[in-house]
């Protein structure tokens, strides 16, 4: 945890660090995802300078898009009018 915070303090400008802190207060898992992305960018040499608040907003958008894709689900809506097991049971009950 100390190593994470020292890396983040080296790559974030103060206003970006403040924003990340506010995000952590609201949703800690999202802040952790963003921190992971920032650390990955730093380790792969993709950050040329300290991250500004605007750049952090862009990363927020990218992380949000990735989470939306992961959360997409298929919803099956059944339409009425077809036969199913309950219909057969009702027909049998009428005959009795």
Protein backbone atom coordinates (compact mmCIF):
# COMPACT_ATOMS: atom_id res chain seq x y z
CA UNK A 1 0.00 0.00 0.00
CA UNK A 2 2.86 2.37 0.80
CA UNK A 3 4.52 1.56 -2.51
CA UNK A 4 1.26 2.29 -4.35
CA UNK A 5 0.82 5.65 -2.65
CA UNK A 6 4.44 6.65 -3.31
CA UNK A 7 4.10 5.74 -7.02
CA UNK A 8 0.83 7.67 -7.25
CA UNK A 9 2.33 10.72 -5.53
CA UNK A 10 5.13 10.69 -8.11
CA UNK A 11 2.82 10.49 -11.14
CA UNK A 12 -0.15 12.67 -10.09
CA UNK A 13 -0.34 16.45 -9.80
CA UNK A 14 -1.99 17.58 -6.53
CA UNK A 15 -5.38 18.41 -8.10
CA UNK A 16 -5.51 15.00 -9.80
CA UNK A 17 -4.62 13.31 -6.51
CA UNK A 18 -7.43 15.28 -4.80
CA UNK A 19 -9.95 14.13 -7.41
CA UNK A 20 -8.84 10.52 -7.02
CA UNK A 21 -9.26 10.90 -3.25
CA UNK A 22 -12.83 12.14 -3.71
CA UNK A 23 -13.58 9.21 -6.02
CA UNK A 24 -12.22 6.86 -3.34
CA UNK A 25 -14.68 8.32 -0.81
CA UNK A 26 -17.61 7.55 -3.11
CA UNK A 27 -16.56 4.24 -4.65
CA UNK A 28 -13.35 2.64 -3.47
CA UNK A 29 -13.36 -0.14 -6.10
CA UNK A 30 -13.46 2.41 -8.92
CA UNK A 31 -10.59 4.37 -7.39
CA UNK A 32 -8.56 1.15 -7.15
CA UNK A 33 -9.25 0.38 -10.83
CA UNK A 34 -8.06 3.87 -11.78
CA UNK A 35 -4.95 3.55 -9.61
CA UNK A 36 -4.14 0.21 -11.25
CA UNK A 37 -4.49 1.79 -14.70
CA UNK A 38 -2.26 4.73 -13.69
CA UNK A 39 0.43 2.46 -12.25
CA UNK A 40 0.34 0.28 -15.37
CA UNK A 41 0.75 3.36 -17.59
CA UNK A 42 3.68 4.54 -15.46
CA UNK A 43 5.41 1.14 -15.51
CA UNK A 44 5.08 0.80 -19.27
CA UNK A 45 6.51 4.29 -19.80
CA UNK A 46 3.35 5.73 -21.33
CA UNK A 47 3.26 8.73 -18.97
CA UNK A 48 5.57 11.50 -20.16
CA UNK A 49 4.79 13.87 -17.30
CA UNK A 50 2.71 14.04 -14.15
CA UNK A 51 -0.99 13.34 -14.71
CA UNK A 52 -3.21 16.44 -14.69
CA UNK A 53 -6.82 16.52 -13.57
CA UNK A 54 -7.94 16.62 -17.23
CA UNK A 55 -5.88 13.53 -18.07
CA UNK A 56 -7.33 11.80 -15.02
CA UNK A 57 -10.84 12.56 -16.33
CA UNK A 58 -9.92 10.88 -19.63
CA UNK A 59 -8.66 7.82 -17.77
CA UNK A 60 -11.90 7.83 -15.75
CA UNK A 61 -13.87 7.69 -19.00
CA UNK A 62 -11.76 4.83 -20.35
CA UNK A 63 -12.16 2.81 -17.14
CA UNK A 64 -15.92 3.47 -17.12
CA UNK A 65 -16.24 2.25 -20.73
CA UNK A 66 -14.29 -0.89 -19.91
CA UNK A 67 -16.53 -1.58 -16.90
CA UNK A 68 -19.68 -1.06 -18.99
CA UNK A 69 -18.48 -3.60 -21.53
CA UNK A 70 -17.79 -6.10 -18.76
CA UNK A 71 -21.22 -5.52 -17.21
CA UNK A 72 -23.23 -5.89 -20.41
CA UNK A 73 -25.61 -8.80 -20.12
CA UNK A 74 -28.04 -10.55 -22.42
CA UNK A 75 -31.65 -10.13 -21.34
CA UNK A 76 -34.16 -12.65 -22.66
CA UNK A 77 -37.73 -11.40 -22.86
CA UNK A 78 -40.34 -14.06 -23.41
CA UNK A 79 -43.33 -13.10 -25.48
CA UNK A 80 -46.80 -14.41 -24.74
CA UNK A 81 -48.75 -16.57 -27.13
CA UNK A 82 -46.53 -19.61 -27.21
CA UNK A 83 -47.22 -22.89 -25.48
CA UNK A 84 -45.32 -23.88 -22.39
CA UNK A 85 -45.66 -26.49 -19.65
CA UNK A 86 -48.11 -24.34 -17.67
CA UNK A 87 -50.49 -24.17 -20.65
CA UNK A 88 -50.53 -27.95 -20.94
CA UNK A 89 -51.25 -28.26 -17.22
CA UNK A 90 -54.19 -25.84 -17.49
CA UNK A 91 -55.63 -27.85 -20.40
CA UNK A 92 -55.37 -31.06 -18.38
CA UNK A 93 -57.04 -29.43 -15.36
CA UNK A 94 -60.01 -28.30 -17.51
CA UNK A 95 -60.59 -31.88 -18.63
CA UNK A 96 -60.85 -33.19 -15.06
